[in-house]
C-alpha atoms as a PDB file:
ATOM      1  CA  MET A   1      51.880 204.746  32.951  1.00  0.00           C
ATOM      2  CA  ALA A   2      55.368 205.933  33.806  1.00  0.00           C
ATOM      3  CA  ALA A   3      54.291 206.657  37.378  1.00  0.00           C
ATOM      4  CA  GLU A   4      53.106 203.056  37.779  1.00  0.00           C
ATOM      5  CA  MET A   5      56.522 201.651  36.855  1.00  0.00           C
ATOM      6  CA  LYS A   6      59.177 201.139  39.484  1.00  0.00           C
ATOM      7  CA  THR A   7      62.003 203.629  39.263  1.00  0.00           C
ATOM      8  CA  GLU A   8      64.520 200.754  39.077  1.00  0.00           C
ATOM      9  CA  ASP A   9      63.060 199.600  35.739  1.00  0.00           C
ATOM     10  CA  PHE A  10      64.462 202.525  33.724  1.00  0.00           C
ATOM     11  CA  PRO A  11      67.283 205.052  33.989  1.00  0.00           C
ATOM     12  CA  HIS A  12      66.523 208.269  35.863  1.00  0.00           C
ATOM     13  CA  GLU A  13      67.790 210.297  32.874  1.00  0.00           C
ATOM     14  CA  ILE A  14      64.720 209.440  30.828  1.00  0.00           C
ATOM     15  CA  GLU A  15      62.147 209.892  33.582  1.00  0.00           C
ATOM     16  CA  GLU A  16      61.185 213.376  32.370  1.00  0.00           C
ATOM     17  CA  GLN A  17      60.867 212.145  28.775  1.00  0.00           C
ATOM     18  CA  LEU A  18      58.670 209.242  29.874  1.00  0.00           C
ATOM     19  CA  THR A  19      56.462 211.572  31.863  1.00  0.00           C
ATOM     20  CA  GLY A  20      56.075 213.827  28.800  1.00  0.00           C
ATOM     21  CA  PHE A  21      55.355 210.813  26.618  1.00  0.00           C
ATOM     22  CA  ASP A  22      52.738 209.584  29.084  1.00  0.00           C
ATOM     23  CA  SER A  23      50.965 212.962  29.112  1.00  0.00           C
ATOM     24  CA  SER A  24      51.080 213.102  25.295  1.00  0.00           C
ATOM     25  CA  VAL A  25      49.570 209.633  24.998  1.00  0.00           C
ATOM     26  CA  SER A  26      46.861 210.621  27.479  1.00  0.00           C
ATOM     27  CA  SER A  27      45.961 213.743  25.499  1.00  0.00           C
ATOM     28  CA  VAL A  28      45.871 211.751  22.224  1.00  0.00           C
ATOM     29  CA  LYS A  29      43.608 209.194  23.894  1.00  0.00           C
ATOM     30  CA  ALA A  30      41.291 211.943  25.156  1.00  0.00           C
ATOM     31  CA  MET A  31      41.057 213.494  21.672  1.00  0.00           C
ATOM     32  CA  LEU A  32      40.407 210.122  20.063  1.00  0.00           C
ATOM     33  CA  ASP A  33      37.712 209.380  22.646  1.00  0.00           C
ATOM     34  CA  LYS A  34      35.976 212.656  21.735  1.00  0.00           C
ATOM     35  CA  LEU A  35      36.217 211.882  18.039  1.00  0.00           C
ATOM     36  CA  MET A  36      34.998 208.327  18.454  1.00  0.00           C
ATOM     37  CA  SER A  37      32.071 209.320  20.705  1.00  0.00           C
ATOM     38  CA  VAL A  38      30.220 210.838  17.726  1.00  0.00           C
ATOM     39  CA  PRO A  39      29.173 208.507  14.890  1.00  0.00           C
ATOM     40  CA  ARG A  40      31.201 209.302  11.780  1.00  0.00           C
ATOM     41  CA  SER A  41      28.107 209.589   9.573  1.00  0.00           C
ATOM     42  CA  ASP A  42      26.616 212.218  11.911  1.00  0.00           C
ATOM     43  CA  LEU A  43      29.867 214.122  11.932  1.00  0.00           C
ATOM     44  CA  LEU A  44      30.204 214.084   8.138  1.00  0.00           C
ATOM     45  CA  GLN A  45      26.617 215.293   7.632  1.00  0.00           C
ATOM     46  CA  LYS A  46      27.376 218.466   9.578  1.00  0.00           C
ATOM     47  CA  LEU A  47      30.464 219.294   7.497  1.00  0.00           C
ATOM     48  CA  ASP A  48      30.822 220.744   4.012  1.00  0.00           C
ATOM     49  CA  PRO A  49      32.915 218.749   1.489  1.00  0.00           C
ATOM     50  CA  LEU A  50      36.105 220.711   2.172  1.00  0.00           C
ATOM     51  CA  ASP A  51      35.835 220.124   5.923  1.00  0.00           C
ATOM     52  CA  GLN A  52      35.071 216.442   5.265  1.00  0.00           C
ATOM     53  CA  ALA A  53      38.301 216.214   3.270  1.00  0.00           C
ATOM     54  CA  LYS A  54      40.195 217.926   6.103  1.00  0.00           C
ATOM     55  CA  LEU A  55      38.745 215.473   8.633  1.00  0.00           C
ATOM     56  CA  ASP A  56      39.611 212.457   6.473  1.00  0.00           C
ATOM     57  CA  LEU A  57      43.154 213.694   5.902  1.00  0.00           C
ATOM     58  CA  MET A  58      43.642 214.480   9.577  1.00  0.00           C
ATOM     59  CA  SER A  59      42.396 211.014  10.527  1.00  0.00           C
ATOM     60  CA  ALA A  60      44.651 209.271   8.009  1.00  0.00           C
ATOM     61  CA  TYR A  61      47.669 211.349   9.023  1.00  0.00           C
ATOM     62  CA  THR A  62      47.039 210.684  12.711  1.00  0.00           C
ATOM     63  CA  LEU A  63      46.731 206.928  12.233  1.00  0.00           C
ATOM     64  CA  ASN A  64      49.838 206.782  10.087  1.00  0.00           C
ATOM     65  CA  SER A  65      51.766 208.887  12.604  1.00  0.00           C
ATOM     66  CA  LEU A  66      50.727 206.523  15.379  1.00  0.00           C
ATOM     67  CA  PHE A  67      51.908 203.593  13.240  1.00  0.00           C
ATOM     68  CA  TRP A  68      55.214 205.442  12.719  1.00  0.00           C
ATOM     69  CA  MET A  69      55.592 205.653  16.506  1.00  0.00           C
ATOM     70  CA  TYR A  70      54.665 201.972  16.832  1.00  0.00           C
ATOM     71  CA  LEU A  71      57.440 201.048  14.405  1.00  0.00           C
ATOM     72  CA  VAL A  72      59.940 203.159  16.341  1.00  0.00           C
ATOM     73  CA  THR A  73      59.002 201.495  19.629  1.00  0.00           C
ATOM     74  CA  HIS A  74      59.594 198.081  18.018  1.00  0.00           C
ATOM     75  CA  GLY A  75      63.026 199.023  16.716  1.00  0.00           C
ATOM     76  CA  VAL A  76      62.046 199.346  13.049  1.00  0.00           C
ATOM     77  CA  ASN A  77      63.409 202.339  11.157  1.00  0.00           C
ATOM     78  CA  PRO A  78      60.250 204.022   9.756  1.00  0.00           C
ATOM     79  CA  ARG A  79      62.307 205.990   7.208  1.00  0.00           C
ATOM     80  CA  GLU A  80      62.946 202.711   5.398  1.00  0.00           C
ATOM     81  CA  HIS A  81      59.306 201.581   5.673  1.00  0.00           C
ATOM     82  CA  ALA A  82      56.436 202.314   3.272  1.00  0.00           C
ATOM     83  CA  ILE A  83      54.811 204.452   5.979  1.00  0.00           C
ATOM     84  CA  LYS A  84      57.140 207.308   5.048  1.00  0.00           C
ATOM     85  CA  GLN A  85      55.758 207.480   1.495  1.00  0.00           C
ATOM     86  CA  GLU A  86      52.211 207.248   2.818  1.00  0.00           C
ATOM     87  CA  LEU A  87      52.759 210.179   5.179  1.00  0.00           C
ATOM     88  CA  GLU A  88      54.278 212.200   2.325  1.00  0.00           C
ATOM     89  CA  ARG A  89      51.293 211.379   0.094  1.00  0.00           C
ATOM     90  CA  ILE A  90      48.850 212.512   2.777  1.00  0.00           C
ATOM     91  CA  ARG A  91      50.905 215.657   3.384  1.00  0.00           C
ATOM     92  CA  THR A  92      50.683 216.448  -0.352  1.00  0.00           C
ATOM     93  CA  TYR A  93      46.896 216.236  -0.228  1.00  0.00           C
ATOM     94  CA  MET A  94      46.834 218.338   2.942  1.00  0.00           C
ATOM     95  CA  ASN A  95      48.791 221.039   1.099  1.00  0.00           C
ATOM     96  CA  LYS A  96      46.317 220.897  -1.803  1.00  0.00           C
ATOM     97  CA  VAL A  97      43.395 221.373   0.603  1.00  0.00           C
ATOM     98  CA  LYS A  98      45.269 224.261   2.240  1.00  0.00           C
ATOM     99  CA  GLU A  99      45.733 225.920  -1.169  1.00  0.00           C
ATOM    100  CA  ILE A 100      41.999 225.609  -1.848  1.00  0.00           C
ATOM    101  CA  THR A 101      41.206 227.088   1.560  1.00  0.00           C
ATOM    102  CA  ASP A 102      43.654 229.956   0.989  1.00  0.00           C
ATOM    103  CA  ARG A 103      42.110 230.688  -2.417  1.00  0.00           C
ATOM    104  CA  LYS A 104      38.682 230.913  -0.800  1.00  0.00           C
ATOM    105  CA  LYS A 105      40.000 233.354   1.781  1.00  0.00           C
ATOM    106  CA  ALA A 106      41.886 235.465  -0.770  1.00  0.00           C
ATOM    107  CA  ALA A 107      40.589 238.971  -1.406  1.00  0.00           C
ATOM    108  CA  ARG A 108      38.441 239.376  -4.492  1.00  0.00           C
ATOM    109  CA  LEU A 109      38.971 242.312  -6.830  1.00  0.00           C
ATOM    110  CA  ASP A 110      36.021 244.651  -7.143  1.00  0.00           C
ATOM    111  CA  LYS A 111      36.706 246.139 -10.568  1.00  0.00           C
ATOM    112  CA  GLY A 112      34.275 249.028 -10.118  1.00  0.00           C
ATOM    113  CA  ALA A 113      35.784 250.034  -6.802  1.00  0.00           C
ATOM    114  CA  ALA A 114      39.311 249.681  -8.189  1.00  0.00           C
ATOM    115  CA  GLY A 115      38.422 251.932 -11.143  1.00  0.00           C
ATOM    116  CA  ARG A 116      36.929 254.581  -8.867  1.00  0.00           C
ATOM    117  CA  PHE A 117      39.959 254.378  -6.610  1.00  0.00           C
ATOM    118  CA  LEU A 118      42.344 254.885  -9.526  1.00  0.00           C
ATOM    119  CA  ARG A 119      40.323 257.758 -11.001  1.00  0.00           C
ATOM    120  CA  SER A 120      40.295 259.425  -7.615  1.00  0.00           C
ATOM    121  CA  ALA A 121      44.007 258.837  -7.075  1.00  0.00           C
ATOM    122  CA  LEU A 122      44.941 260.094 -10.543  1.00  0.00           C
ATOM    123  CA  TYR A 123      42.603 263.094 -10.498  1.00  0.00           C
ATOM    124  CA  GLU A 124      44.309 266.405 -11.170  1.00  0.00           C
ATOM    125  CA  PRO A 125      42.239 269.589 -10.797  1.00  0.00           C
ATOM    126  CA  HIS A 126      43.915 271.499 -13.660  1.00  0.00           C
ATOM    127  CA  GLN A 127      42.790 268.820 -16.140  1.00  0.00           C
ATOM    128  CA  ARG A 128      39.154 269.485 -15.270  1.00  0.00           C
ATOM    129  CA  ASP A 129      39.628 273.234 -15.601  1.00  0.00           C
ATOM    130  CA  SER A 130      41.197 272.849 -19.057  1.00  0.00           C
ATOM    131  CA  ARG A 131      38.230 270.720 -20.182  1.00  0.00           C
ATOM    132  CA  LYS A 132      35.818 273.419 -19.019  1.00  0.00           C
ATOM    133  CA  LYS A 133      37.703 276.096 -20.940  1.00  0.00           C
ATOM    134  CA  ALA A 134      37.793 273.938 -24.048  1.00  0.00           C
ATOM    135  CA  GLY A 135      34.013 273.432 -23.958  1.00  0.00           C
ATOM    136  CA  GLY A 136      33.389 277.098 -23.298  1.00  0.00           C
ATOM    137  CA  ALA A 137      30.597 276.372 -20.865  1.00  0.00           C
ATOM    138  CA  THR A 138      30.747 277.226 -17.248  1.00  0.00           C
ATOM    139  CA  PRO A 139      28.890 275.167 -14.767  1.00  0.00           C
ATOM    140  CA  SER A 140      25.703 276.767 -13.624  1.00  0.00           C
ATOM    141  CA  LYS A 141      25.153 277.291  -9.964  1.00  0.00           C
ATOM    142  CA  ARG A 142      22.066 276.044  -8.316  1.00  0.00           C
ATOM    143  CA  PRO A 143      19.670 278.731  -7.352  1.00  0.00           C
ATOM    144  CA  LYS A 144      19.411 279.282  -3.652  1.00  0.00           C
ATOM    145  CA  GLN A 145      16.234 278.022  -2.159  1.00  0.00           C
ATOM    146  CA  SER A 146      14.620 280.162   0.410  1.00  0.00           C
END
């Protein structure tokens, strides 16, 4: 895009920015082509509900971000447009999905293992010896097997 334009059409100071913008637009187009090459129904069938929600949120956020950029290129301040509230709403839902994902990944407490760990950590040998003396019985040794 930028390479096709004559260098007299824009200031040389923004040439690097235009080149970066052109490569960004190309990578977005390539990603969208990949996403659009698979029918949405086929894609959703392969995903669990949480991943479906992530895909829907990502799609909505991407489209709204592209609209934000469209407004900027047409001289409209997007901060004063309803698109800002829409992006914030989507971001809120993205955070909720992230919390759900984090809760799924969080370590679960194994109460039995925790109890054994604490008993082992708090074990003091002299307590066991005092219990033996109190009971009066000594542990019997196993007979040696020959």
